Protein backbone atom coordinates (compact mmCIF):
# COMPACT_ATOMS: atom_id res chain seq x y z
CA UNK A 1 3.91 24.06 -53.40
CA UNK A 2 1.64 25.54 -50.82
CA UNK A 3 -1.67 27.10 -51.63
CA UNK A 4 -2.28 30.56 -50.15
CA UNK A 5 -4.60 29.01 -47.55
CA UNK A 6 -1.81 26.71 -46.28
CA UNK A 7 0.67 29.56 -46.35
CA UNK A 8 -1.65 31.61 -44.16
CA UNK A 9 -1.87 28.73 -41.70
CA UNK A 10 1.91 28.55 -41.70
CA UNK A 11 2.05 32.29 -41.03
CA UNK A 12 -0.35 31.95 -38.10
CA UNK A 13 1.72 29.20 -36.50
CA UNK A 14 4.89 31.25 -37.02
CA UNK A 15 3.19 34.28 -35.49
CA UNK A 16 2.25 32.26 -32.42
CA UNK A 17 5.87 31.17 -31.99
CA UNK A 18 7.15 34.75 -32.39
CA UNK A 19 4.77 35.86 -29.65
CA UNK A 20 6.12 33.12 -27.43
CA UNK A 21 9.82 33.81 -28.13
CA UNK A 22 9.55 37.60 -28.23
CA UNK A 23 6.54 38.81 -26.27
CA UNK A 24 7.85 42.40 -26.13
CA UNK A 25 7.42 43.42 -29.83
CA UNK A 26 3.72 42.63 -29.53
CA UNK A 27 3.25 45.49 -27.07
CA UNK A 28 6.11 47.82 -28.06
CA UNK A 29 4.87 50.39 -30.64
CA UNK A 30 8.42 50.95 -31.94
CA UNK A 31 8.90 47.28 -32.86
CA UNK A 32 7.24 45.56 -35.79
CA UNK A 33 7.43 42.19 -37.53
CA UNK A 34 5.32 41.60 -40.65
CA UNK A 35 4.67 38.19 -42.21
CA UNK A 36 3.52 38.83 -45.80
CA UNK A 37 1.97 35.86 -47.59
CA UNK A 38 1.98 35.82 -51.40
CA UNK A 39 3.81 39.14 -51.81
CA UNK A 40 3.88 40.13 -55.48
CA UNK A 41 6.48 42.57 -56.67
CA UNK A 42 7.27 41.51 -60.23
CA UNK A 43 8.16 38.01 -58.96
CA UNK A 44 5.86 36.08 -56.66
CA UNK A 45 7.18 35.48 -53.15
CA UNK A 46 5.59 32.74 -51.07
CA UNK A 47 6.57 34.31 -47.79
CA UNK A 48 8.24 37.62 -46.93
CA UNK A 49 9.37 38.47 -43.42
CA UNK A 50 9.92 42.18 -42.73
CA UNK A 51 11.67 42.83 -39.41
CA UNK A 52 11.86 46.33 -37.94
CA UNK A 53 12.96 46.27 -34.30
CA UNK A 54 14.00 49.49 -32.57
CA UNK A 55 15.44 47.35 -29.76
CA UNK A 56 17.40 44.34 -31.12
CA UNK A 57 16.16 41.00 -29.80
CA UNK A 58 18.41 38.05 -28.94
CA UNK A 59 17.46 34.53 -29.95
CA UNK A 60 18.00 31.35 -27.95
CA UNK A 61 21.03 29.31 -28.99
CA UNK A 62 20.25 27.26 -32.09
CA UNK A 63 23.74 26.10 -33.15
CA UNK A 64 26.25 25.09 -30.52
CA UNK A 65 29.91 25.78 -31.03
CA UNK A 66 29.44 28.65 -33.47
CA UNK A 67 29.56 32.41 -33.26
CA UNK A 68 25.85 32.53 -34.01
CA UNK A 69 24.64 30.95 -30.83
CA UNK A 70 22.67 34.03 -29.87
CA UNK A 71 22.37 36.53 -32.74
CA UNK A 72 20.78 39.88 -32.06
CA UNK A 73 18.17 40.62 -34.71
CA UNK A 74 17.51 44.26 -35.65
CA UNK A 75 16.01 44.76 -39.12
CA UNK A 76 15.93 43.18 -42.56
CA UNK A 77 13.94 41.29 -45.17
CA UNK A 78 13.77 37.51 -45.68
CA UNK A 79 12.22 36.09 -48.86
CA UNK A 80 11.17 32.48 -48.32
CA UNK A 81 10.27 29.88 -50.96
CA UNK A 82 8.00 27.35 -49.26
CA UNK A 83 7.74 23.68 -50.28
CA UNK A 84 5.37 21.34 -48.46
CA UNK A 85 6.52 18.05 -49.95
CA UNK A 86 7.82 14.89 -48.34
CA UNK A 87 11.35 13.55 -48.84
CA UNK A 88 10.33 11.29 -51.75
CA UNK A 89 9.42 14.37 -53.83
CA UNK A 90 12.95 15.82 -53.85
CA UNK A 91 15.97 14.84 -55.91
CA UNK A 92 19.45 15.81 -54.79
CA UNK A 93 22.16 16.82 -57.30
CA UNK A 94 25.34 17.99 -55.61
CA UNK A 95 24.32 20.39 -52.86
CA UNK A 96 21.07 21.33 -54.63
CA UNK A 97 17.57 19.92 -54.14
CA UNK A 98 15.01 19.77 -56.94
CA UNK A 99 11.29 19.30 -56.29
CA UNK A 100 9.30 16.84 -58.40
CA UNK A 101 5.71 17.23 -59.53
CA UNK A 102 3.82 14.43 -61.28
CA UNK A 103 7.04 12.48 -61.59
CA UNK A 104 8.92 15.27 -63.39
CA UNK A 105 11.80 17.13 -61.78
CA UNK A 106 11.75 20.93 -61.83
CA UNK A 107 14.50 22.57 -63.86
CA UNK A 108 15.39 25.05 -61.12
CA UNK A 109 16.46 24.01 -57.65
CA UNK A 110 14.63 25.19 -54.56
CA UNK A 111 17.62 27.41 -53.71
CA UNK A 112 17.45 29.11 -57.12
CA UNK A 113 13.73 29.68 -56.70
CA UNK A 114 14.36 31.26 -53.30
CA UNK A 115 16.99 33.55 -54.82
CA UNK A 116 14.57 34.49 -57.61
CA UNK A 117 12.15 35.64 -54.91
CA UNK A 118 14.89 37.63 -53.19
CA UNK A 119 15.92 39.24 -56.49
CA UNK A 120 12.31 40.24 -57.07
CA UNK A 121 12.12 41.96 -53.69
CA UNK A 122 15.53 43.55 -54.26
CA UNK A 123 14.32 45.00 -57.58
CA UNK A 124 11.18 46.21 -55.84
CA UNK A 125 13.35 47.90 -53.20
CA UNK A 126 15.46 49.51 -55.92
CA UNK A 127 12.33 50.98 -57.50
CA UNK A 128 11.50 52.37 -54.06
CA UNK A 129 14.83 54.20 -53.88
CA UNK A 130 16.94 51.59 -52.05
CA UNK A 131 19.06 49.77 -54.66
CA UNK A 132 21.61 48.34 -52.19
CA UNK A 133 19.20 46.74 -49.73
CA UNK A 134 20.19 43.14 -48.99
CA UNK A 135 17.37 40.58 -49.11
CA UNK A 136 17.94 37.15 -47.53
CA UNK A 137 16.79 34.08 -49.49
CA UNK A 138 15.65 30.86 -47.82
CA UNK A 139 14.01 27.69 -49.15
CA UNK A 140 11.83 26.29 -46.37
CA UNK A 141 11.07 22.59 -46.85
CA UNK A 142 8.49 22.19 -44.12
CA UNK A 143 8.22 18.38 -44.25
CA UNK A 144 11.92 17.45 -44.32
CA UNK A 145 13.92 16.42 -41.28
CA UNK A 146 16.98 18.71 -40.92
CA UNK A 147 19.13 15.57 -40.55
CA UNK A 148 18.46 14.83 -44.24
CA UNK A 149 19.92 18.17 -45.29
CA UNK A 150 23.54 17.66 -44.32
CA UNK A 151 25.83 19.18 -46.93
CA UNK A 152 23.13 20.93 -48.94
CA UNK A 153 23.02 24.59 -49.89
CA UNK A 154 22.95 26.77 -46.77
CA UNK A 155 19.85 28.55 -48.10
CA UNK A 156 17.81 25.35 -47.62
CA UNK A 157 16.06 24.91 -44.28
CA UNK A 158 14.14 21.81 -43.28
CA UNK A 159 11.43 21.44 -40.65
CA UNK A 160 12.28 24.43 -38.50
CA UNK A 161 11.04 27.13 -36.16
CA UNK A 162 11.43 30.91 -35.90
CA UNK A 163 14.87 30.67 -34.30
CA UNK A 164 16.13 28.26 -36.96
CA UNK A 165 14.93 30.47 -39.82
CA UNK A 166 16.61 33.54 -38.37
CA UNK A 167 19.83 31.67 -37.65
CA UNK A 168 19.97 30.45 -41.25
CA UNK A 169 19.39 34.01 -42.50
CA UNK A 170 22.15 35.36 -40.25
CA UNK A 171 24.56 32.69 -41.48
CA UNK A 172 23.82 33.81 -45.03
CA UNK A 173 24.53 37.48 -44.31
CA UNK A 174 24.98 39.26 -40.96
CA UNK A 175 23.11 42.38 -42.14
CA UNK A 176 20.05 41.11 -40.26
CA UNK A 177 21.95 41.79 -37.05
CA UNK A 178 22.93 45.35 -37.95
CA UNK A 179 20.80 48.35 -37.17
CA UNK A 180 21.44 51.31 -39.45
CA UNK A 181 19.08 54.02 -40.60
CA UNK A 182 19.41 53.26 -44.32
CA UNK A 183 18.53 49.58 -43.98
CA UNK A 184 15.64 50.37 -41.67
CA UNK A 185 14.27 52.96 -44.12
CA UNK A 186 14.51 50.43 -46.97
CA UNK A 187 12.65 47.75 -45.01
CA UNK A 188 9.89 50.21 -44.18
CA UNK A 189 9.63 51.43 -47.79
CA UNK A 190 9.21 47.88 -49.15
CA UNK A 191 6.80 46.87 -46.39
CA UNK A 192 4.63 49.97 -46.71
CA UNK A 193 4.39 49.70 -50.51
CA UNK A 194 3.38 46.05 -50.33
CA UNK A 195 0.79 46.78 -47.65
CA UNK A 196 -0.55 49.90 -49.36
CA UNK A 197 -4.30 49.84 -49.76
CA UNK A 198 -6.10 52.54 -51.73
CA UNK A 199 -9.27 54.08 -50.33
CA UNK A 200 -12.27 54.97 -52.41
CA UNK A 201 -13.37 58.58 -52.45
CA UNK A 202 -17.04 59.60 -52.92
CA UNK A 203 -16.14 60.55 -56.49
CA UNK A 204 -14.70 57.08 -57.10
CA UNK A 205 -17.87 55.48 -55.80
CA UNK A 206 -20.01 57.71 -57.98
CA UNK A 207 -18.00 56.73 -61.04
CA UNK A 208 -18.24 53.05 -60.15
CA UNK A 209 -22.00 53.27 -59.72
CA UNK A 210 -22.25 55.01 -63.08
CA UNK A 211 -20.26 52.18 -64.66
CA UNK A 212 -22.45 49.58 -63.01
CA UNK A 213 -25.62 51.31 -64.25
CA UNK A 214 -24.39 51.51 -67.84
CA UNK A 215 -27.30 49.70 -69.50
CA UNK A 216 -25.61 49.37 -72.89
CA UNK A 217 -22.48 47.73 -71.50
CA UNK A 218 -24.50 45.48 -69.20
CA UNK A 219 -26.59 44.29 -72.14
CA UNK A 220 -23.37 43.52 -74.05
CA UNK A 221 -21.92 41.62 -71.08
CA UNK A 222 -25.11 39.58 -70.66
CA UNK A 223 -24.94 38.69 -74.34
CA UNK A 224 -21.28 37.64 -74.26
CA UNK A 225 -21.03 35.81 -70.91
CA UNK A 226 -22.59 32.50 -72.13
CA UNK A 227 -20.05 32.35 -74.96
CA UNK A 228 -16.96 32.92 -72.77
CA UNK A 229 -14.84 29.78 -72.76
CA UNK A 230 -16.33 28.51 -76.01
CA UNK A 231 -14.79 31.09 -78.35
CA UNK A 232 -12.29 33.92 -78.22
CA UNK A 233 -14.09 37.21 -77.58
CA UNK A 234 -12.67 40.43 -79.00
CA UNK A 235 -14.02 43.83 -77.92
CA UNK A 236 -12.76 46.42 -80.39
CA UNK A 237 -13.12 50.16 -80.03
CA UNK A 238 -11.40 53.51 -79.78
CA UNK A 239 -10.22 54.99 -76.48
CA UNK A 240 -13.08 55.66 -74.08
CA UNK A 241 -15.58 53.40 -75.84
CA UNK A 242 -16.02 51.19 -72.75
CA UNK A 243 -13.72 48.23 -73.41
CA UNK A 244 -12.17 48.13 -69.93
CA UNK A 245 -15.57 48.74 -68.34
CA UNK A 246 -16.93 45.75 -70.23
CA UNK A 247 -13.99 43.61 -69.05
CA UNK A 248 -14.63 44.48 -65.42
CA UNK A 249 -18.37 43.78 -65.64
CA UNK A 250 -17.77 40.56 -67.58
CA UNK A 251 -15.23 39.32 -65.02
CA UNK A 252 -17.67 40.04 -62.20
CA UNK A 253 -20.52 38.27 -63.99
CA UNK A 254 -18.42 35.19 -64.79
CA UNK A 255 -17.27 34.96 -61.16
CA UNK A 256 -20.65 35.53 -59.49
CA UNK A 257 -23.08 33.76 -61.84
CA UNK A 258 -20.87 31.04 -63.32
CA UNK A 259 -18.48 30.41 -60.38
CA UNK A 260 -15.46 30.90 -62.63
CA UNK A 261 -11.95 31.96 -61.70
CA UNK A 262 -10.94 34.97 -63.78
CA UNK A 263 -7.49 36.43 -64.46
CA UNK A 264 -7.28 40.03 -65.72
CA UNK A 265 -3.98 41.00 -67.36
CA UNK A 266 -3.09 44.58 -68.12
CA UNK A 267 -0.20 46.69 -69.35
CA UNK A 268 1.55 48.19 -66.31
CA UNK A 269 1.05 48.80 -62.60
CA UNK A 270 -0.89 52.05 -63.05
CA UNK A 271 -3.55 50.37 -65.18
CA UNK A 272 -3.58 47.42 -62.79
CA UNK A 273 -4.30 49.80 -59.92
CA UNK A 274 -7.08 51.52 -61.87
CA UNK A 275 -8.82 48.23 -62.64
CA UNK A 276 -8.54 47.03 -59.05
CA UNK A 277 -9.98 50.38 -57.98
CA UNK A 278 -13.09 49.78 -60.07
CA UNK A 279 -13.50 46.23 -58.71
CA UNK A 280 -13.15 47.44 -55.12
CA UNK A 281 -15.94 49.97 -55.64
CA UNK A 282 -18.48 47.49 -57.02
CA UNK A 283 -20.71 45.93 -54.35
CA UNK A 284 -21.19 42.71 -56.33
CA UNK A 285 -17.40 42.26 -56.61
CA UNK A 286 -16.73 42.51 -52.87
CA UNK A 287 -14.68 39.57 -51.61
CA UNK A 288 -13.84 38.31 -55.11
CA UNK A 289 -10.47 40.00 -55.59
CA UNK A 290 -7.64 37.65 -54.78
CA UNK A 291 -8.36 34.03 -55.60
CA UNK A 292 -11.57 34.35 -57.67
CA UNK A 293 -10.66 37.48 -59.64
CA UNK A 294 -7.00 38.38 -59.88
CA UNK A 295 -5.56 41.47 -61.61
CA UNK A 296 -1.89 41.35 -62.59
CA UNK A 297 0.54 42.89 -65.03
CA UNK A 298 1.16 40.76 -68.11
CA UNK A 299 4.95 40.66 -67.75
CA UNK A 300 4.80 39.49 -64.14
CA UNK A 301 2.40 36.66 -64.97
CA UNK A 302 4.27 35.55 -68.09
CA UNK A 303 7.56 35.43 -66.18
CA UNK A 304 5.85 33.19 -63.64
CA UNK A 305 4.71 30.94 -66.51
CA UNK A 306 8.30 30.79 -67.74
CA UNK A 307 9.46 29.55 -64.34
CA UNK A 308 6.66 26.98 -64.13
CA UNK A 309 7.51 25.70 -67.62
CA UNK A 310 11.13 25.15 -66.62
CA UNK A 311 12.52 28.23 -68.35
CA UNK A 312 15.02 30.67 -66.91
CA UNK A 313 13.98 34.20 -66.03
CA UNK A 314 16.56 36.52 -67.65
CA UNK A 315 18.55 38.51 -65.11
CA UNK A 316 21.13 41.25 -65.36
CA UNK A 317 24.55 41.07 -63.70
CA UNK A 318 23.18 42.69 -60.52
CA UNK A 319 20.38 40.13 -60.19
CA UNK A 320 17.47 42.24 -61.44
CA UNK A 321 15.17 41.11 -64.26
CA UNK A 322 16.53 41.92 -67.71
CA UNK A 323 13.39 43.19 -69.43
CA UNK A 324 15.19 43.63 -72.75
CA UNK A 325 15.56 39.85 -73.00
CA UNK A 326 12.11 38.83 -71.75
CA UNK A 327 10.59 38.76 -75.24
CA UNK A 328 13.25 36.31 -76.46
CA UNK A 329 12.60 34.15 -73.39
CA UNK A 330 8.83 34.16 -74.01
CA UNK A 331 9.40 33.16 -77.65
CA UNK A 332 11.74 30.33 -76.67
CA UNK A 333 9.34 28.86 -74.10
CA UNK A 334 6.36 29.26 -76.44
CA UNK A 335 8.20 27.36 -79.18
CA UNK A 336 8.89 24.52 -76.75
CA UNK A 337 5.30 24.33 -75.50
CA UNK A 338 3.37 24.83 -78.74
CA UNK A 339 3.95 21.42 -80.41
CA UNK A 340 2.56 19.65 -77.32
CA UNK A 341 0.11 22.31 -76.21
CA UNK A 342 -2.45 20.16 -74.39
CA UNK A 343 -0.04 18.04 -72.35
CA UNK A 344 2.45 20.77 -71.57
CA UNK A 345 -0.25 23.28 -70.64
CA UNK A 346 -1.64 20.86 -68.04
CA UNK A 347 1.85 20.28 -66.67
CA UNK A 348 2.52 24.01 -66.34
CA UNK A 349 -0.83 24.65 -64.65
CA UNK A 350 -0.30 21.73 -62.28
CA UNK A 351 2.88 23.39 -60.99
CA UNK A 352 0.63 25.68 -58.96
CA UNK A 353 -3.08 25.41 -59.65
CA UNK A 354 -3.94 28.36 -57.43
CA UNK A 355 -1.53 30.51 -59.41
CA UNK A 356 -2.20 29.28 -62.95
CA UNK A 357 -5.55 27.48 -63.14
CA UNK A 358 -7.91 30.13 -64.57
CA UNK A 359 -11.20 29.51 -66.37
CA UNK A 360 -10.98 32.81 -68.25
CA UNK A 361 -8.13 35.19 -69.07
CA UNK A 362 -9.20 38.78 -69.80
CA UNK A 363 -6.64 41.03 -71.49
CA UNK A 364 -6.74 44.81 -71.41
CA UNK A 365 -4.86 46.76 -74.13
CA UNK A 366 -4.43 43.57 -76.15
CA UNK A 367 -3.40 45.52 -79.24
CA UNK A 368 -0.02 46.33 -77.64
CA UNK A 369 1.07 42.79 -76.78
CA UNK A 370 4.13 41.48 -78.57
CA UNK A 371 3.82 38.37 -80.71
CA UNK A 372 6.02 36.42 -78.27
CA UNK A 373 3.80 37.36 -75.30
CA UNK A 374 0.69 36.34 -77.25
CA UNK A 375 2.19 33.01 -78.35
CA UNK A 376 3.24 32.04 -74.81
CA UNK A 377 -0.19 32.78 -73.36
CA UNK A 378 -1.97 30.92 -76.19
CA UNK A 379 0.40 27.95 -75.80
CA UNK A 380 -0.75 27.50 -72.19
CA UNK A 381 -4.40 28.61 -72.27
CA UNK A 382 -5.43 28.23 -75.90
CA UNK A 383 -7.72 30.79 -77.51
CA UNK A 384 -11.17 29.91 -76.19
CA UNK A 385 -10.47 31.15 -72.65
CA UNK A 386 -9.36 34.59 -73.88
CA UNK A 387 -11.34 37.84 -73.85
CA UNK A 388 -9.58 40.78 -75.48
CA UNK A 389 -10.06 44.52 -75.08
CA UNK A 390 -8.51 45.58 -78.39
CA UNK A 391 -7.95 49.31 -78.78
CA UNK A 392 -8.09 50.91 -82.22
CA UNK A 393 -5.42 53.51 -82.98
CA UNK A 394 -4.04 53.16 -79.42
CA UNK A 395 -0.53 51.82 -79.96
CA UNK A 396 2.35 52.48 -77.57
CA UNK A 397 4.72 49.51 -77.65
CA UNK A 398 4.48 48.60 -81.34
CA UNK A 399 3.64 50.14 -84.72
CA UNK A 400 0.91 47.68 -85.76
CA UNK A 401 -1.76 45.99 -83.68
CA UNK A 402 -1.10 42.49 -82.36
CA UNK A 403 -3.00 39.97 -84.49
CA UNK A 404 -4.84 37.70 -82.08
CA UNK A 405 -7.26 36.28 -84.66
CA UNK A 406 -4.72 34.76 -87.03
CA UNK A 407 -5.68 31.29 -88.28
CA UNK A 408 -8.83 31.33 -86.14
CA UNK A 409 -11.98 30.20 -87.96
CA UNK A 410 -15.04 32.41 -87.60
CA UNK A 411 -16.74 29.80 -85.47
CA UNK A 412 -13.97 30.12 -82.85
CA UNK A 413 -14.18 33.88 -82.41
CA UNK A 414 -16.69 36.57 -81.52
CA UNK A 415 -15.93 40.16 -82.43
CA UNK A 416 -17.89 43.10 -81.03
CA UNK A 417 -17.24 46.68 -82.11
CA UNK A 418 -18.09 49.16 -79.39
CA UNK A 419 -19.60 52.55 -80.12
CA UNK A 420 -17.91 55.87 -80.60
CA UNK A 421 -16.22 57.58 -77.70
CA UNK A 422 -16.78 61.15 -76.58
CA UNK A 423 -13.18 61.13 -75.39
CA UNK A 424 -12.05 61.63 -78.99
CA UNK A 425 -12.00 65.24 -80.25
CA UNK A 426 -13.54 64.37 -83.62
CA UNK A 427 -16.49 62.61 -82.00
CA UNK A 428 -17.03 65.49 -79.59
CA UNK A 429 -17.23 67.88 -82.53
CA UNK A 430 -19.68 65.64 -84.42
CA UNK A 431 -21.80 65.27 -81.28
CA UNK A 432 -21.92 69.05 -80.77
CA UNK A 433 -22.97 69.65 -84.38
CA UNK A 434 -25.77 67.09 -84.14
CA UNK A 435 -27.01 68.57 -80.88
CA UNK A 436 -26.99 72.01 -82.49
CA UNK A 437 -29.10 70.75 -85.39
CA UNK A 438 -31.51 68.77 -83.20
CA UNK A 439 -32.12 71.55 -80.68
CA UNK A 440 -32.37 74.38 -83.21
CA UNK A 441 -29.27 76.19 -81.99
CA UNK A 442 -27.93 78.99 -84.11
CA UNK A 443 -25.33 77.78 -86.54
CA UNK A 444 -21.88 78.66 -85.41
CA UNK A 445 -19.56 79.77 -88.15
CA UNK A 446 -15.87 79.63 -87.69
CA UNK A 447 -14.47 82.81 -89.11
CA UNK A 448 -10.77 82.96 -89.59
CA UNK A 449 -9.55 86.55 -89.56
CA UNK A 450 -6.89 87.18 -92.18
CA UNK A 451 -3.45 87.45 -90.69
CA UNK A 452 -2.15 91.05 -91.01
CA UNK A 453 0.89 91.29 -93.24
CA UNK A 454 3.76 93.62 -92.48
CA UNK A 455 4.28 96.20 -95.16
CA UNK A 456 7.76 96.01 -96.62
CA UNK A 457 9.53 98.38 -98.90
CA UNK A 458 9.91 96.95 -102.36
CA UNK A 459 13.41 96.98 -103.78
CA UNK A 460 13.69 98.65 -107.20
CA UNK A 461 14.27 96.37 -110.11
CA UNK A 462 17.81 95.92 -111.18
CA UNK A 463 19.29 96.81 -107.82
CA UNK A 464 21.16 93.91 -106.32
CA UNK A 465 20.63 92.84 -102.75
CA UNK A 466 23.47 94.30 -100.66
CA UNK A 467 26.06 91.91 -99.34
CA UNK A 468 25.68 90.73 -95.73
CA UNK A 469 28.69 92.76 -94.63
CA UNK A 470 27.42 95.92 -96.35
CA UNK A 471 23.99 95.96 -94.67
CA UNK A 472 25.31 97.43 -91.42
CA UNK A 473 26.93 100.28 -93.39
CA UNK A 474 23.62 101.08 -95.11
CA UNK A 475 21.82 101.14 -91.74
CA UNK A 476 24.40 103.53 -90.26
CA UNK A 477 24.09 105.92 -93.22
CA UNK A 478 20.29 105.91 -92.83
CA UNK A 479 20.54 106.78 -89.16
CA UNK A 480 22.98 109.59 -89.93
CA UNK A 481 20.49 111.15 -92.30
């Protein structure tokens, strides 16, 4: 597989060729071609091409004797799985090619991996309001001569150029040559969401500076940093006690002072965005986000581990990820890896060291992880690399907290209980009472006024309650009087 650095070089060379073949889109403000490296939308995509041309562009002939000698390209998305391996690293079975790493063949073919990427972008488009957007899938084997690919899956492309990639995409589905408003809007929605960058407001910067100046949390981080990697660290506390703040500061310290690569896993995309926001506002964390410190949702990362371990990502009939079956998949892969943890973990990490080789894994909202998610992560990374932010009485996905410390001796774990939080109503009340006593404020008494009772006429003893049907007659007689 390519590292992100090599993928960027590939993107630069492809950009140079696009400028040579189509010089007009460079200067036309209505035309746009985006080459997105490492796009992450639930499933990692090595390379995503987003084409949005107001004026369709014709390509030079790339296949003689076919109807696609000169396709006109208008708009569309192409998800590309990139493999930079020589011919000896591929094994052919039928019309499929399987890459080999360290002498072991991958369980999924390069075509299937390309389609996984396309399904991920398609699901991302559906969440953006465009469920029927077609996404082309190509496996680009950059070191293979096209002559060696006779009779293989049409999604596989050997050593090729811009024209060859587009011709292969058009042969897969002609939607790339059609220009309709719905497709164009879908391409723009996906592109803009993937390229979205949040900006820090003055209030955000003030909050970040306040976090960075938190002397108590900084003292805790300085105390824990030397132990990271030697024992599991658990930060326990109620909501608002500073667990996530401690994770951010600890990740920054491990990256800057120890040169470590740190992965931060969180619950969902909103929390992921919040954590990235804090990192982006810290001066000492500038330039670290990406390869040194990476923030990702837990499900996305674990699904990537499943693929690297040779498992199958569960999909629904329409090609989207079946999240109801992910837990069973995690449990199955964890059971396969656990008996041979050391050897299999190295094999999984070696599938893509940029993607999976992390010195420390920091987990936010660890109390809500399922047992299967926990077991898969521990099977690959063990327990000593883990740092947990474990919330007390903060459960959303399960009824009891996930037990991360099971069977761990005391020497292999460090537990720190953070202080009380003023975000909790009880603690706010206690704080106010203490401040009242310390500052000599007048004692405030809570007087509950008795609730006024409505006076009702008592029914004489011995008189039976009138029947429901007779009550209206009694009321009419009273009004007549």
